[in-house]
């Protein structure tokens, strides 16, 4: 894994790690916010959303996204450290 821009890797790694940590460990707050905004949007359009399906889907997707962001941040930091070690 070779990097072309080490500064961009470090900054992107910090952002990805921050998002990954928040999506993984603060998922309940994020899920509640997403469900509430979805409910308000669809009620303004005149529809009634199914809360159970929305909660189930976001409870699965948000932690998955968190783990993927954590892995991306770790890879970016690895690339930066590997660049400085050479």
C-alpha atoms as a PDB file:
ATOM      1  CA  UNK A   1       0.000   0.000   0.000  1.00  0.00           C
ATOM      2  CA  UNK A   2       1.633   3.159  -1.211  1.00  0.00           C
ATOM      3  CA  UNK A   3       0.373   6.648  -0.526  1.00  0.00           C
ATOM      4  CA  UNK A   4       0.706   9.685  -2.762  1.00  0.00           C
ATOM      5  CA  UNK A   5      -0.395  12.299  -0.228  1.00  0.00           C
ATOM      6  CA  UNK A   6       0.412  11.501   3.383  1.00  0.00           C
ATOM      7  CA  UNK A   7      -1.300  14.630   4.754  1.00  0.00           C
ATOM      8  CA  UNK A   8      -4.588  13.684   3.087  1.00  0.00           C
ATOM      9  CA  UNK A   9      -4.267  10.152   4.466  1.00  0.00           C
ATOM     10  CA  UNK A  10      -3.783  11.439   8.014  1.00  0.00           C
ATOM     11  CA  UNK A  11      -6.714  13.871   7.823  1.00  0.00           C
ATOM     12  CA  UNK A  12      -8.984  11.313   6.156  1.00  0.00           C
ATOM     13  CA  UNK A  13      -7.928   8.729   8.735  1.00  0.00           C
ATOM     14  CA  UNK A  14      -8.897  11.062  11.595  1.00  0.00           C
ATOM     15  CA  UNK A  15     -12.285  11.801  10.016  1.00  0.00           C
ATOM     16  CA  UNK A  16     -12.968   8.132   9.278  1.00  0.00           C
ATOM     17  CA  UNK A  17     -11.995   7.059  12.814  1.00  0.00           C
ATOM     18  CA  UNK A  18     -14.193   9.783  14.343  1.00  0.00           C
ATOM     19  CA  UNK A  19     -17.185   8.728  12.229  1.00  0.00           C
ATOM     20  CA  UNK A  20     -16.552   5.049  12.889  1.00  0.00           C
ATOM     21  CA  UNK A  21     -16.375   5.542  16.644  1.00  0.00           C
ATOM     22  CA  UNK A  22     -19.548   7.641  16.682  1.00  0.00           C
ATOM     23  CA  UNK A  23     -21.495   5.262  14.427  1.00  0.00           C
ATOM     24  CA  UNK A  24     -20.426   2.263  16.475  1.00  0.00           C
ATOM     25  CA  UNK A  25     -20.674   3.451  20.074  1.00  0.00           C
ATOM     26  CA  UNK A  26     -23.306   6.188  19.800  1.00  0.00           C
ATOM     27  CA  UNK A  27     -25.555   4.269  17.425  1.00  0.00           C
ATOM     28  CA  UNK A  28     -28.713   4.522  19.539  1.00  0.00           C
ATOM     29  CA  UNK A  29     -28.695   8.320  19.413  1.00  0.00           C
ATOM     30  CA  UNK A  30     -28.015   8.322  15.654  1.00  0.00           C
ATOM     31  CA  UNK A  31     -30.716   5.729  14.984  1.00  0.00           C
ATOM     32  CA  UNK A  32     -33.298   7.683  16.981  1.00  0.00           C
ATOM     33  CA  UNK A  33     -32.430  10.875  15.095  1.00  0.00           C
ATOM     34  CA  UNK A  34     -32.726   9.140  11.710  1.00  0.00           C
ATOM     35  CA  UNK A  35     -36.059   7.545  12.581  1.00  0.00           C
ATOM     36  CA  UNK A  36     -37.460  10.840  13.899  1.00  0.00           C
ATOM     37  CA  UNK A  37     -36.431  12.762  10.775  1.00  0.00           C
ATOM     38  CA  UNK A  38     -37.835  10.022   8.540  1.00  0.00           C
ATOM     39  CA  UNK A  39     -41.143  10.067  10.398  1.00  0.00           C
ATOM     40  CA  UNK A  40     -41.487  13.847  10.119  1.00  0.00           C
ATOM     41  CA  UNK A  41     -40.634  13.823   6.403  1.00  0.00           C
ATOM     42  CA  UNK A  42     -43.143  11.144   5.460  1.00  0.00           C
ATOM     43  CA  UNK A  43     -45.898  12.592   7.657  1.00  0.00           C
ATOM     44  CA  UNK A  44     -45.477  15.954   5.881  1.00  0.00           C
ATOM     45  CA  UNK A  45     -45.920  14.103   2.576  1.00  0.00           C
ATOM     46  CA  UNK A  46     -49.129  12.509   3.847  1.00  0.00           C
ATOM     47  CA  UNK A  47     -47.880   8.958   4.415  1.00  0.00           C
ATOM     48  CA  UNK A  48     -47.466   6.947   7.598  1.00  0.00           C
ATOM     49  CA  UNK A  49     -44.071   5.182   7.762  1.00  0.00           C
ATOM     50  CA  UNK A  50     -43.564   1.738   9.271  1.00  0.00           C
ATOM     51  CA  UNK A  51     -41.431   2.343  12.365  1.00  0.00           C
ATOM     52  CA  UNK A  52     -40.506  -1.313  12.957  1.00  0.00           C
ATOM     53  CA  UNK A  53     -38.924  -1.795   9.529  1.00  0.00           C
ATOM     54  CA  UNK A  54     -37.036   1.487   9.802  1.00  0.00           C
ATOM     55  CA  UNK A  55     -35.646   0.677  13.241  1.00  0.00           C
ATOM     56  CA  UNK A  56     -34.643  -2.839  12.157  1.00  0.00           C
ATOM     57  CA  UNK A  57     -32.863  -1.628   9.040  1.00  0.00           C
ATOM     58  CA  UNK A  58     -31.014   1.242  10.697  1.00  0.00           C
ATOM     59  CA  UNK A  59     -30.053  -0.946  13.664  1.00  0.00           C
ATOM     60  CA  UNK A  60     -28.257  -3.187  11.202  1.00  0.00           C
ATOM     61  CA  UNK A  61     -26.804  -0.607   8.792  1.00  0.00           C
ATOM     62  CA  UNK A  62     -25.465   2.060  11.204  1.00  0.00           C
ATOM     63  CA  UNK A  63     -23.112  -0.285  13.161  1.00  0.00           C
ATOM     64  CA  UNK A  64     -21.992  -1.853   9.878  1.00  0.00           C
ATOM     65  CA  UNK A  65     -21.119   1.594   8.534  1.00  0.00           C
ATOM     66  CA  UNK A  66     -19.296   2.344  11.788  1.00  0.00           C
ATOM     67  CA  UNK A  67     -17.116  -0.747  11.493  1.00  0.00           C
ATOM     68  CA  UNK A  68     -16.347   0.036   7.843  1.00  0.00           C
ATOM     69  CA  UNK A  69     -15.340   3.605   8.701  1.00  0.00           C
ATOM     70  CA  UNK A  70     -13.147   2.307  11.545  1.00  0.00           C
ATOM     71  CA  UNK A  71     -11.404  -0.106   9.189  1.00  0.00           C
ATOM     72  CA  UNK A  72     -10.894   2.627   6.572  1.00  0.00           C
ATOM     73  CA  UNK A  73      -9.390   4.937   9.198  1.00  0.00           C
ATOM     74  CA  UNK A  74      -7.037   2.224  10.401  1.00  0.00           C
ATOM     75  CA  UNK A  75      -5.900   1.485   6.836  1.00  0.00           C
ATOM     76  CA  UNK A  76      -5.280   5.180   6.160  1.00  0.00           C
ATOM     77  CA  UNK A  77      -3.225   5.521   9.333  1.00  0.00           C
ATOM     78  CA  UNK A  78      -1.307   2.370   8.423  1.00  0.00           C
ATOM     79  CA  UNK A  79      -0.459   3.873   5.043  1.00  0.00           C
ATOM     80  CA  UNK A  80       0.746   7.089   6.679  1.00  0.00           C
ATOM     81  CA  UNK A  81       2.864   5.250   9.245  1.00  0.00           C
ATOM     82  CA  UNK A  82       4.281   3.015   6.513  1.00  0.00           C
ATOM     83  CA  UNK A  83       5.217   6.136   4.521  1.00  0.00           C
ATOM     84  CA  UNK A  84       7.084   7.650   7.496  1.00  0.00           C
ATOM     85  CA  UNK A  85       8.912   4.389   8.253  1.00  0.00           C
ATOM     86  CA  UNK A  86      10.540   4.282   4.819  1.00  0.00           C
END
